[in-house]
C-alpha atoms as a PDB file:
ATOM      1  CA  MET A   1      -3.087   5.883 -18.962  1.00  0.00           C
ATOM      2  CA  ARG A   2      -0.070   7.088 -16.890  1.00  0.00           C
ATOM      3  CA  VAL A   3       0.297   5.634 -13.393  1.00  0.00           C
ATOM      4  CA  VAL A   4       2.756   6.257 -10.543  1.00  0.00           C
ATOM      5  CA  ILE A   5       3.151   3.514  -7.903  1.00  0.00           C
ATOM      6  CA  MET A   6       5.209   4.619  -4.941  1.00  0.00           C
ATOM      7  CA  GLY A   7       6.576   1.534  -3.137  1.00  0.00           C
ATOM      8  CA  GLY A   8       6.141  -0.348  -6.365  1.00  0.00           C
ATOM      9  CA  THR A   9       9.233  -2.588  -6.397  1.00  0.00           C
ATOM     10  CA  SER A  10       8.082  -5.421  -4.128  1.00  0.00           C
ATOM     11  CA  GLY A  11       4.986  -7.252  -2.900  1.00  0.00           C
ATOM     12  CA  ILE A  12       1.587  -5.608  -3.539  1.00  0.00           C
ATOM     13  CA  GLY A  13       3.149  -2.583  -5.211  1.00  0.00           C
ATOM     14  CA  LEU A  14       5.078  -4.660  -7.745  1.00  0.00           C
ATOM     15  CA  ALA A  15       2.098  -6.918  -8.440  1.00  0.00           C
ATOM     16  CA  THR A  16       0.007  -3.829  -9.132  1.00  0.00           C
ATOM     17  CA  ALA A  17       2.682  -2.468 -11.434  1.00  0.00           C
ATOM     18  CA  ARG A  18       2.756  -5.769 -13.353  1.00  0.00           C
ATOM     19  CA  ARG A  19      -1.062  -5.787 -13.629  1.00  0.00           C
ATOM     20  CA  LEU A  20      -1.400  -2.252 -14.876  1.00  0.00           C
ATOM     21  CA  ALA A  21       1.613  -2.570 -17.262  1.00  0.00           C
ATOM     22  CA  ALA A  22       0.092  -5.730 -18.703  1.00  0.00           C
ATOM     23  CA  ASP A  23      -3.113  -3.716 -19.429  1.00  0.00           C
ATOM     24  CA  GLY A  24      -1.077  -1.246 -21.425  1.00  0.00           C
ATOM     25  CA  ALA A  25      -0.551   1.513 -18.870  1.00  0.00           C
ATOM     26  CA  GLU A  26       2.583   3.613 -18.684  1.00  0.00           C
ATOM     27  CA  VAL A  27       3.765   2.680 -15.194  1.00  0.00           C
ATOM     28  CA  ILE A  28       6.370   4.538 -13.151  1.00  0.00           C
ATOM     29  CA  VAL A  29       7.424   2.934  -9.867  1.00  0.00           C
ATOM     30  CA  THR A  30       9.498   4.308  -7.038  1.00  0.00           C
ATOM     31  CA  GLY A  31      11.577   2.606  -4.384  1.00  0.00           C
ATOM     32  CA  ARG A  32      14.853   2.858  -2.498  1.00  0.00           C
ATOM     33  CA  ASP A  33      16.575  -0.510  -3.204  1.00  0.00           C
ATOM     34  CA  PRO A  34      18.730  -0.295  -6.353  1.00  0.00           C
ATOM     35  CA  GLU A  35      18.491  -4.079  -7.011  1.00  0.00           C
ATOM     36  CA  LYS A  36      14.683  -4.082  -6.759  1.00  0.00           C
ATOM     37  CA  LEU A  37      14.473  -0.971  -8.924  1.00  0.00           C
ATOM     38  CA  ALA A  38      16.627  -2.688 -11.598  1.00  0.00           C
ATOM     39  CA  ALA A  39      14.394  -5.744 -11.566  1.00  0.00           C
ATOM     40  CA  ALA A  40      11.248  -3.634 -11.780  1.00  0.00           C
ATOM     41  CA  LYS A  41      12.545  -1.849 -14.879  1.00  0.00           C
ATOM     42  CA  GLU A  42      12.030  -5.071 -16.816  1.00  0.00           C
ATOM     43  CA  VAL A  43       8.224  -4.758 -16.494  1.00  0.00           C
ATOM     44  CA  VAL A  44       7.489  -1.060 -16.136  1.00  0.00           C
ATOM     45  CA  THR A  45       8.144   2.111 -18.102  1.00  0.00           C
ATOM     46  CA  ALA A  46      10.445   3.656 -15.509  1.00  0.00           C
ATOM     47  CA  ALA A  47      11.729   2.967 -12.008  1.00  0.00           C
ATOM     48  CA  ASP A  48      13.004   5.908  -9.980  1.00  0.00           C
ATOM     49  CA  GLN A  49      14.953   5.834  -6.719  1.00  0.00           C
ATOM     50  CA  VAL A  50      13.026   8.082  -4.351  1.00  0.00           C
ATOM     51  CA  ASP A  51      13.122   8.300  -0.576  1.00  0.00           C
ATOM     52  CA  GLY A  52       9.451   8.652   0.207  1.00  0.00           C
ATOM     53  CA  THR A  53      10.181  10.006   3.679  1.00  0.00           C
ATOM     54  CA  SER A  54      12.022  13.045   2.263  1.00  0.00           C
ATOM     55  CA  GLU A  55       9.833  15.960   1.235  1.00  0.00           C
ATOM     56  CA  GLU A  56      12.630  17.359  -0.913  1.00  0.00           C
ATOM     57  CA  ALA A  57      12.973  14.058  -2.783  1.00  0.00           C
ATOM     58  CA  VAL A  58       9.262  13.585  -3.177  1.00  0.00           C
ATOM     59  CA  SER A  59       8.607  17.110  -4.440  1.00  0.00           C
ATOM     60  CA  ALA A  60      11.542  16.955  -6.838  1.00  0.00           C
ATOM     61  CA  PHE A  61      10.280  13.608  -8.213  1.00  0.00           C
ATOM     62  CA  PHE A  62       6.784  14.915  -8.897  1.00  0.00           C
ATOM     63  CA  ASP A  63       8.128  18.157 -10.334  1.00  0.00           C
ATOM     64  CA  ARG A  64      10.202  16.060 -12.731  1.00  0.00           C
ATOM     65  CA  ILE A  65       7.446  13.769 -14.001  1.00  0.00           C
ATOM     66  CA  GLY A  66       4.684  16.349 -14.245  1.00  0.00           C
ATOM     67  CA  THR A  67       0.966  15.448 -14.358  1.00  0.00           C
ATOM     68  CA  PHE A  68      -0.284  11.901 -14.576  1.00  0.00           C
ATOM     69  CA  ASP A  69      -3.571   9.976 -14.287  1.00  0.00           C
ATOM     70  CA  HIS A  70      -3.423   7.722 -11.231  1.00  0.00           C
ATOM     71  CA  LEU A  71      -1.356   7.441  -8.051  1.00  0.00           C
ATOM     72  CA  VAL A  72      -1.004   4.240  -5.997  1.00  0.00           C
ATOM     73  CA  LEU A  73       0.625   4.455  -2.600  1.00  0.00           C
ATOM     74  CA  ALA A  74       2.048   1.150  -1.344  1.00  0.00           C
ATOM     75  CA  PHE A  75       4.696   2.081   1.136  1.00  0.00           C
ATOM     76  CA  SER A  76       5.516  -0.411   3.880  1.00  0.00           C
ATOM     77  CA  PRO A  77       8.061  -0.161   6.693  1.00  0.00           C
ATOM     78  CA  GLY A  78       7.615  -3.889   7.377  1.00  0.00           C
ATOM     79  CA  ALA A  79       6.573  -5.286  10.759  1.00  0.00           C
ATOM     80  CA  VAL A  80       7.819  -2.253  12.710  1.00  0.00           C
ATOM     81  CA  GLY A  81       5.882  -1.918  15.936  1.00  0.00           C
ATOM     82  CA  LEU A  82       4.386  -5.413  15.828  1.00  0.00           C
ATOM     83  CA  GLY A  83       3.898  -6.905  19.315  1.00  0.00           C
ATOM     84  CA  PRO A  84       2.153  -6.227  22.669  1.00  0.00           C
ATOM     85  CA  VAL A  85       1.808  -2.558  23.385  1.00  0.00           C
ATOM     86  CA  ALA A  86       3.687  -2.890  26.666  1.00  0.00           C
ATOM     87  CA  GLY A  87       6.758  -4.043  24.748  1.00  0.00           C
ATOM     88  CA  VAL A  88       6.654  -1.633  21.819  1.00  0.00           C
ATOM     89  CA  GLY A  89       8.677   1.560  22.325  1.00  0.00           C
ATOM     90  CA  LEU A  90       7.490   4.940  21.121  1.00  0.00           C
ATOM     91  CA  ALA A  91      10.457   5.022  18.708  1.00  0.00           C
ATOM     92  CA  ASP A  92       8.973   2.009  16.899  1.00  0.00           C
ATOM     93  CA  VAL A  93       5.527   3.634  16.834  1.00  0.00           C
ATOM     94  CA  ARG A  94       7.032   6.785  15.280  1.00  0.00           C
ATOM     95  CA  ALA A  95       9.063   4.652  12.821  1.00  0.00           C
ATOM     96  CA  ALA A  96       5.846   2.908  11.742  1.00  0.00           C
ATOM     97  CA  PHE A  97       4.116   6.229  11.038  1.00  0.00           C
ATOM     98  CA  ASP A  98       7.239   7.653   9.427  1.00  0.00           C
ATOM     99  CA  GLY A  99       7.485   4.665   7.107  1.00  0.00           C
ATOM    100  CA  LYS A 100       3.879   4.727   5.797  1.00  0.00           C
ATOM    101  CA  PHE A 101       1.403   7.326   6.927  1.00  0.00           C
ATOM    102  CA  PHE A 102       3.590  10.449   6.604  1.00  0.00           C
ATOM    103  CA  PRO A 103       5.035   9.412   3.207  1.00  0.00           C
ATOM    104  CA  TYR A 104       1.440   8.972   1.983  1.00  0.00           C
ATOM    105  CA  LEU A 105       0.639  12.549   3.021  1.00  0.00           C
ATOM    106  CA  LEU A 106       3.809  13.824   1.379  1.00  0.00           C
ATOM    107  CA  ALA A 107       3.002  12.145  -1.875  1.00  0.00           C
ATOM    108  CA  ILE A 108      -0.586  13.336  -1.899  1.00  0.00           C
ATOM    109  CA  ARG A 109       0.554  16.876  -1.188  1.00  0.00           C
ATOM    110  CA  TRP A 110       2.974  17.072  -4.106  1.00  0.00           C
ATOM    111  CA  ALA A 111       1.537  14.740  -6.731  1.00  0.00           C
ATOM    112  CA  GLY A 112       0.217  16.189  -9.948  1.00  0.00           C
ATOM    113  CA  VAL A 113      -2.478  13.488 -10.227  1.00  0.00           C
ATOM    114  CA  THR A 114      -5.607  14.190 -12.194  1.00  0.00           C
ATOM    115  CA  GLY A 115      -7.646  10.987 -11.954  1.00  0.00           C
ATOM    116  CA  SER A 116      -7.366   8.910  -8.772  1.00  0.00           C
ATOM    117  CA  ILE A 117      -5.363   8.113  -5.677  1.00  0.00           C
ATOM    118  CA  THR A 118      -5.456   4.583  -4.179  1.00  0.00           C
ATOM    119  CA  LEU A 119      -3.912   4.014  -0.766  1.00  0.00           C
ATOM    120  CA  ILE A 120      -2.916   0.560   0.485  1.00  0.00           C
ATOM    121  CA  SER A 121      -3.870   0.240   4.153  1.00  0.00           C
ATOM    122  CA  ALA A 122      -4.456  -3.104   6.011  1.00  0.00           C
ATOM    123  CA  ALA A 123      -7.242  -4.977   7.767  1.00  0.00           C
ATOM    124  CA  THR A 124      -5.560  -4.307  11.130  1.00  0.00           C
ATOM    125  CA  ALA A 125      -7.301  -0.933  10.966  1.00  0.00           C
ATOM    126  CA  ARG A 126     -10.657  -2.677  11.642  1.00  0.00           C
ATOM    127  CA  SER A 127      -9.786  -5.842  13.507  1.00  0.00           C
ATOM    128  CA  ALA A 128      -9.174  -6.898  17.123  1.00  0.00           C
ATOM    129  CA  LEU A 129      -5.872  -8.709  17.044  1.00  0.00           C
ATOM    130  CA  ALA A 130      -3.588  -8.623  20.035  1.00  0.00           C
ATOM    131  CA  GLY A 131      -0.160  -7.351  19.193  1.00  0.00           C
ATOM    132  CA  THR A 132      -1.267  -5.089  16.358  1.00  0.00           C
ATOM    133  CA  VAL A 133      -1.951  -1.789  18.156  1.00  0.00           C
ATOM    134  CA  THR A 134       0.728   0.114  16.263  1.00  0.00           C
ATOM    135  CA  LEU A 135      -0.270  -1.339  12.919  1.00  0.00           C
ATOM    136  CA  ALA A 136      -3.907  -0.568  13.675  1.00  0.00           C
ATOM    137  CA  ALA A 137      -3.014   3.005  14.526  1.00  0.00           C
ATOM    138  CA  VAL A 138      -1.120   3.583  11.269  1.00  0.00           C
ATOM    139  CA  ASN A 139      -3.618   1.888   9.013  1.00  0.00           C
ATOM    140  CA  GLY A 140      -6.558   3.337  10.902  1.00  0.00           C
ATOM    141  CA  ALA A 141      -5.134   6.775  10.349  1.00  0.00           C
ATOM    142  CA  ILE A 142      -4.758   6.062   6.619  1.00  0.00           C
ATOM    143  CA  GLU A 143      -8.319   4.816   6.280  1.00  0.00           C
ATOM    144  CA  ARG A 144      -9.755   7.740   8.256  1.00  0.00           C
ATOM    145  CA  ILE A 145      -8.309  10.341   5.924  1.00  0.00           C
ATOM    146  CA  VAL A 146      -9.834   8.761   2.764  1.00  0.00           C
ATOM    147  CA  SER A 147     -13.250  10.449   3.047  1.00  0.00           C
ATOM    148  CA  PRO A 148     -12.049  13.993   3.785  1.00  0.00           C
ATOM    149  CA  LEU A 149      -9.396  13.671   1.082  1.00  0.00           C
ATOM    150  CA  ALA A 150     -12.077  12.547  -1.432  1.00  0.00           C
ATOM    151  CA  ALA A 151     -14.069  15.682  -0.546  1.00  0.00           C
ATOM    152  CA  GLU A 152     -11.072  18.013  -0.553  1.00  0.00           C
ATOM    153  CA  LEU A 153      -9.404  16.791  -3.723  1.00  0.00           C
ATOM    154  CA  ALA A 154     -12.478  16.267  -5.902  1.00  0.00           C
ATOM    155  CA  PRO A 155     -12.787  15.592  -8.812  1.00  0.00           C
ATOM    156  CA  VAL A 156      -9.721  13.464  -8.119  1.00  0.00           C
ATOM    157  CA  ARG A 157     -11.075  10.231  -6.598  1.00  0.00           C
ATOM    158  CA  VAL A 158      -9.492   8.903  -3.371  1.00  0.00           C
ATOM    159  CA  ASN A 159      -9.973   5.309  -2.177  1.00  0.00           C
ATOM    160  CA  ALA A 160      -8.119   2.665  -0.143  1.00  0.00           C
ATOM    161  CA  VAL A 161      -7.598  -1.036  -0.546  1.00  0.00           C
ATOM    162  CA  SER A 162      -7.389  -2.845   2.808  1.00  0.00           C
ATOM    163  CA  PRO A 163      -5.714  -6.274   2.562  1.00  0.00           C
ATOM    164  CA  GLY A 164      -5.722  -8.996   5.133  1.00  0.00           C
ATOM    165  CA  ALA A 165      -2.908 -11.518   5.443  1.00  0.00           C
ATOM    166  CA  VAL A 166      -1.079 -11.551   2.088  1.00  0.00           C
ATOM    167  CA  ASP A 167       1.932 -13.656   1.162  1.00  0.00           C
ATOM    168  CA  THR A 168       4.489 -10.902   0.534  1.00  0.00           C
ATOM    169  CA  PRO A 169       8.001 -10.079   1.787  1.00  0.00           C
ATOM    170  CA  TRP A 170       6.392  -8.221   4.668  1.00  0.00           C
ATOM    171  CA  TRP A 171       6.448 -11.596   6.433  1.00  0.00           C
ATOM    172  CA  ASP A 172      10.160 -12.174   5.960  1.00  0.00           C
ATOM    173  CA  PHE A 173      10.877 -11.442   9.613  1.00  0.00           C
ATOM    174  CA  LEU A 174       9.539 -14.995  10.307  1.00  0.00           C
ATOM    175  CA  PRO A 175      11.487 -18.203   9.546  1.00  0.00           C
ATOM    176  CA  GLU A 176       9.908 -20.025   6.621  1.00  0.00           C
ATOM    177  CA  GLU A 177       8.410 -22.845   8.653  1.00  0.00           C
ATOM    178  CA  GLN A 178       6.886 -20.394  11.128  1.00  0.00           C
ATOM    179  CA  ARG A 179       5.624 -18.235   8.303  1.00  0.00           C
ATOM    180  CA  GLN A 180       3.817 -21.136   6.638  1.00  0.00           C
ATOM    181  CA  ALA A 181       2.308 -22.163   9.977  1.00  0.00           C
ATOM    182  CA  GLN A 182       1.087 -18.576  10.427  1.00  0.00           C
ATOM    183  CA  PHE A 183      -0.496 -18.627   6.967  1.00  0.00           C
ATOM    184  CA  ALA A 184      -2.183 -21.948   7.624  1.00  0.00           C
ATOM    185  CA  ALA A 185      -3.664 -20.648  10.874  1.00  0.00           C
ATOM    186  CA  ALA A 186      -4.825 -17.494   9.176  1.00  0.00           C
ATOM    187  CA  ALA A 187      -6.467 -19.429   6.333  1.00  0.00           C
ATOM    188  CA  ASP A 188      -8.500 -21.431   8.824  1.00  0.00           C
ATOM    189  CA  THR A 189     -10.096 -18.238  10.183  1.00  0.00           C
ATOM    190  CA  VAL A 190     -11.392 -16.678   6.926  1.00  0.00           C
ATOM    191  CA  PRO A 191     -14.236 -17.776   4.601  1.00  0.00           C
ATOM    192  CA  ALA A 192     -11.862 -17.817   1.633  1.00  0.00           C
ATOM    193  CA  ARG A 193      -9.816 -20.519   3.333  1.00  0.00           C
ATOM    194  CA  ARG A 194      -6.519 -19.158   2.158  1.00  0.00           C
ATOM    195  CA  VAL A 195      -4.255 -16.170   2.663  1.00  0.00           C
ATOM    196  CA  GLY A 196      -4.109 -13.514  -0.060  1.00  0.00           C
ATOM    197  CA  ARG A 197      -1.781 -13.189  -2.946  1.00  0.00           C
ATOM    198  CA  PRO A 198      -0.345  -9.849  -4.158  1.00  0.00           C
ATOM    199  CA  GLU A 199      -2.267 -10.315  -7.351  1.00  0.00           C
ATOM    200  CA  ASP A 200      -5.564 -10.326  -5.399  1.00  0.00           C
ATOM    201  CA  VAL A 201      -4.834  -6.824  -4.117  1.00  0.00           C
ATOM    202  CA  ALA A 202      -3.543  -5.678  -7.484  1.00  0.00           C
ATOM    203  CA  ALA A 203      -6.920  -6.669  -9.070  1.00  0.00           C
ATOM    204  CA  ALA A 204      -8.699  -4.524  -6.480  1.00  0.00           C
ATOM    205  CA  VAL A 205      -6.459  -1.562  -7.211  1.00  0.00           C
ATOM    206  CA  ARG A 206      -7.141  -2.052 -10.951  1.00  0.00           C
ATOM    207  CA  TYR A 207     -10.853  -1.971 -10.266  1.00  0.00           C
ATOM    208  CA  LEU A 208     -10.614   1.294  -8.313  1.00  0.00           C
ATOM    209  CA  VAL A 209      -8.502   2.931 -11.026  1.00  0.00           C
ATOM    210  CA  ASP A 210     -11.283   2.208 -13.510  1.00  0.00           C
ATOM    211  CA  ALA A 211     -14.245   2.845 -11.167  1.00  0.00           C
ATOM    212  CA  THR A 212     -14.957   6.438 -12.066  1.00  0.00           C
ATOM    213  CA  TYR A 213     -18.037   6.689  -9.794  1.00  0.00           C
ATOM    214  CA  VAL A 214     -16.318   5.299  -6.672  1.00  0.00           C
ATOM    215  CA  THR A 215     -14.565   7.679  -4.271  1.00  0.00           C
ATOM    216  CA  GLY A 216     -14.116   7.947  -0.524  1.00  0.00           C
ATOM    217  CA  SER A 217     -14.356   4.131  -0.186  1.00  0.00           C
ATOM    218  CA  ILE A 218     -12.394   1.446   1.667  1.00  0.00           C
ATOM    219  CA  LEU A 219     -12.274  -1.825  -0.245  1.00  0.00           C
ATOM    220  CA  PRO A 220     -11.487  -4.873   1.979  1.00  0.00           C
ATOM    221  CA  VAL A 221      -9.430  -7.593   0.245  1.00  0.00           C
ATOM    222  CA  ASP A 222      -9.079  -9.936   3.149  1.00  0.00           C
ATOM    223  CA  GLY A 223     -10.849 -13.192   2.239  1.00  0.00           C
ATOM    224  CA  GLY A 224     -13.695 -12.269   4.561  1.00  0.00           C
ATOM    225  CA  PHE A 225     -11.506 -11.720   7.629  1.00  0.00           C
ATOM    226  CA  THR A 226     -13.227  -8.542   8.818  1.00  0.00           C
ATOM    227  CA  VAL A 227     -16.733 -10.023   8.333  1.00  0.00           C
ATOM    228  CA  ALA A 228     -16.074 -13.578   9.435  1.00  0.00           C
END
């Protein structure tokens, strides 16, 4: 099994790479940070420096590696656009889309994938949290394209995993004490009574890679947040 994980050098992407590599898959990850790429090479087959926002770079990457079985898209621009809508500039909204939604479309357009595509979105797409309008817009757009893509790209399967609060570097914009307080507050609001770990999401991706009769689906991995 040959798998490409774009955005696979940190957080959920890296956890997924570790999980699939441990299961014996040939895993190729992409990223932009040379230090993270070097660290990822210790656990995966290959780690390529690719700017996911550049169509030239993305198309050249996929031309180079040829066909493969499964594509996982785990790009994240971080907390760009987080905050009340009155205080978020349109430049930040565009940056949020440019850092995740549009790179997903680029990858899907050029990838020579034969088995499945799994997109990482987020629970903000289906929640009512003040200050997350931009995040909801980006992740909502990602989740909305899953069904038509599944129809258009069949027999390639297309699904999304939608995490809630997960302890990853995404939260590094907060000081450690504030971060832990945020996690404690989030844990109190979900039935699972804890925030997620990257490994939780990686397990869901692994399921979808193997689930040959599942396509066009959104799989929440949020501790019950969107049903609580």
